[in-house]
Amino acid sequence: MIDDFILERLAEDEQSARRRYQCDYNPVDLERVLATCRARRQVVHIYRILKDRPHGDICQLIILVIAELYADHPDYQEDWRLVHAKFPHIE
């Protein structure tokens, strides 16, 4: 599932940032990466709550945008590309 895929990538991003921090000791970069991961994780959790409710299709679009950040990952699925998404009608 796309939400699990994103959460796995975020965990990898956090681990990578911590490893780089041990080598470079740049707390500003580490905190920025970790804060970005926390924010994206919150978006995934909001998606999980709202995806089956009215306007859940908007949540789906947001998740697709986040997933495209990892489009070069071997587990990324081509049908997740935003170009394949059906945009909701917004009144």
Protein backbone atom coordinates (compact mmCIF):
# COMPACT_ATOMS: atom_id res chain seq x y z
CA MET A 1 0.00 0.00 0.00
CA ILE A 2 1.18 3.47 -0.80
CA ASP A 3 0.93 4.69 2.80
CA ASP A 4 3.12 1.83 4.05
CA PHE A 5 5.58 2.51 1.25
CA ILE A 6 5.89 6.16 2.30
CA LEU A 7 6.28 5.32 6.00
CA GLU A 8 9.07 2.87 5.16
CA ARG A 9 10.87 5.51 3.08
CA LEU A 10 10.51 8.05 5.91
CA ALA A 11 12.08 5.59 8.37
CA GLU A 12 14.96 5.11 5.92
CA ASP A 13 15.35 8.89 5.55
CA GLU A 14 15.54 9.29 9.33
CA GLN A 15 18.14 6.54 9.69
CA SER A 16 20.22 8.01 6.89
CA ALA A 17 20.06 11.48 8.44
CA ARG A 18 21.19 10.14 11.81
CA ARG A 19 24.12 8.30 10.20
CA ARG A 20 25.16 11.46 8.33
CA TYR A 21 24.85 13.44 11.56
CA GLN A 22 27.30 11.08 13.27
CA CYS A 23 29.84 11.78 10.51
CA ASP A 24 29.22 15.47 9.86
CA TYR A 25 27.70 16.66 13.16
CA ASN A 26 25.36 19.19 11.59
CA PRO A 27 22.41 19.46 14.01
CA VAL A 28 20.55 21.95 11.81
CA ASP A 29 20.43 19.56 8.85
CA LEU A 30 19.49 16.65 11.10
CA GLU A 31 16.62 18.53 12.71
CA ARG A 32 15.35 19.74 9.34
CA VAL A 33 15.29 16.20 7.92
CA LEU A 34 13.64 14.79 11.04
CA ALA A 35 11.04 17.58 11.08
CA THR A 36 10.27 16.95 7.41
CA CYS A 37 9.83 13.24 8.11
CA ARG A 38 7.53 13.98 11.06
CA ALA A 39 5.39 16.29 8.92
CA ARG A 40 5.11 13.77 6.11
CA ARG A 41 4.28 11.02 8.60
CA GLN A 42 1.45 13.19 9.95
CA VAL A 43 0.12 13.62 6.42
CA VAL A 44 0.09 9.83 6.00
CA HIS A 45 -1.82 9.44 9.26
CA ILE A 46 -4.34 12.08 8.19
CA TYR A 47 -4.69 10.27 4.87
CA ARG A 48 -5.43 7.01 6.68
CA ILE A 49 -8.19 8.69 8.68
CA LEU A 50 -9.80 10.65 5.84
CA LYS A 51 -9.25 8.55 2.71
CA ASP A 52 -12.72 6.96 2.82
CA ARG A 53 -14.57 10.13 3.77
CA PRO A 54 -15.86 12.95 1.59
CA HIS A 55 -12.98 14.65 -0.22
CA GLY A 56 -10.73 11.69 0.53
CA ASP A 57 -9.65 11.90 -3.09
CA ILE A 58 -7.82 15.12 -2.22
CA CYS A 59 -5.92 13.23 0.48
CA GLN A 60 -5.06 10.62 -2.16
CA LEU A 61 -3.57 13.31 -4.39
CA ILE A 62 -1.42 14.61 -1.56
CA ILE A 63 -0.15 11.09 -0.83
CA LEU A 64 0.70 10.62 -4.51
CA VAL A 65 2.76 13.82 -4.45
CA ILE A 66 4.71 12.60 -1.41
CA ALA A 67 5.23 9.16 -2.96
CA GLU A 68 6.71 10.72 -6.10
CA LEU A 69 9.61 11.91 -3.99
CA TYR A 70 10.61 8.24 -3.92
CA ALA A 71 9.84 7.40 -7.56
CA ASP A 72 13.39 6.10 -8.04
CA HIS A 73 12.91 3.45 -5.32
CA PRO A 74 12.53 -0.11 -6.67
CA ASP A 75 9.27 -0.63 -4.71
CA TYR A 76 7.63 2.45 -6.20
CA GLN A 77 4.69 1.52 -8.40
CA GLU A 78 4.17 3.33 -11.69
CA ASP A 79 0.42 3.60 -11.16
CA TRP A 80 1.14 5.86 -8.19
CA ARG A 81 2.35 8.58 -10.52
CA LEU A 82 0.28 11.72 -10.23
CA VAL A 83 -0.29 11.74 -13.98
CA HIS A 84 -2.48 8.64 -13.52
CA ALA A 85 -4.62 10.25 -10.83
CA LYS A 86 -8.16 11.40 -11.42
CA PHE A 87 -8.44 14.90 -10.11
CA PRO A 88 -11.51 15.62 -7.99
CA HIS A 89 -14.09 18.12 -9.04
CA ILE A 90 -13.77 21.03 -6.63
CA GLU A 91 -16.73 23.37 -6.41
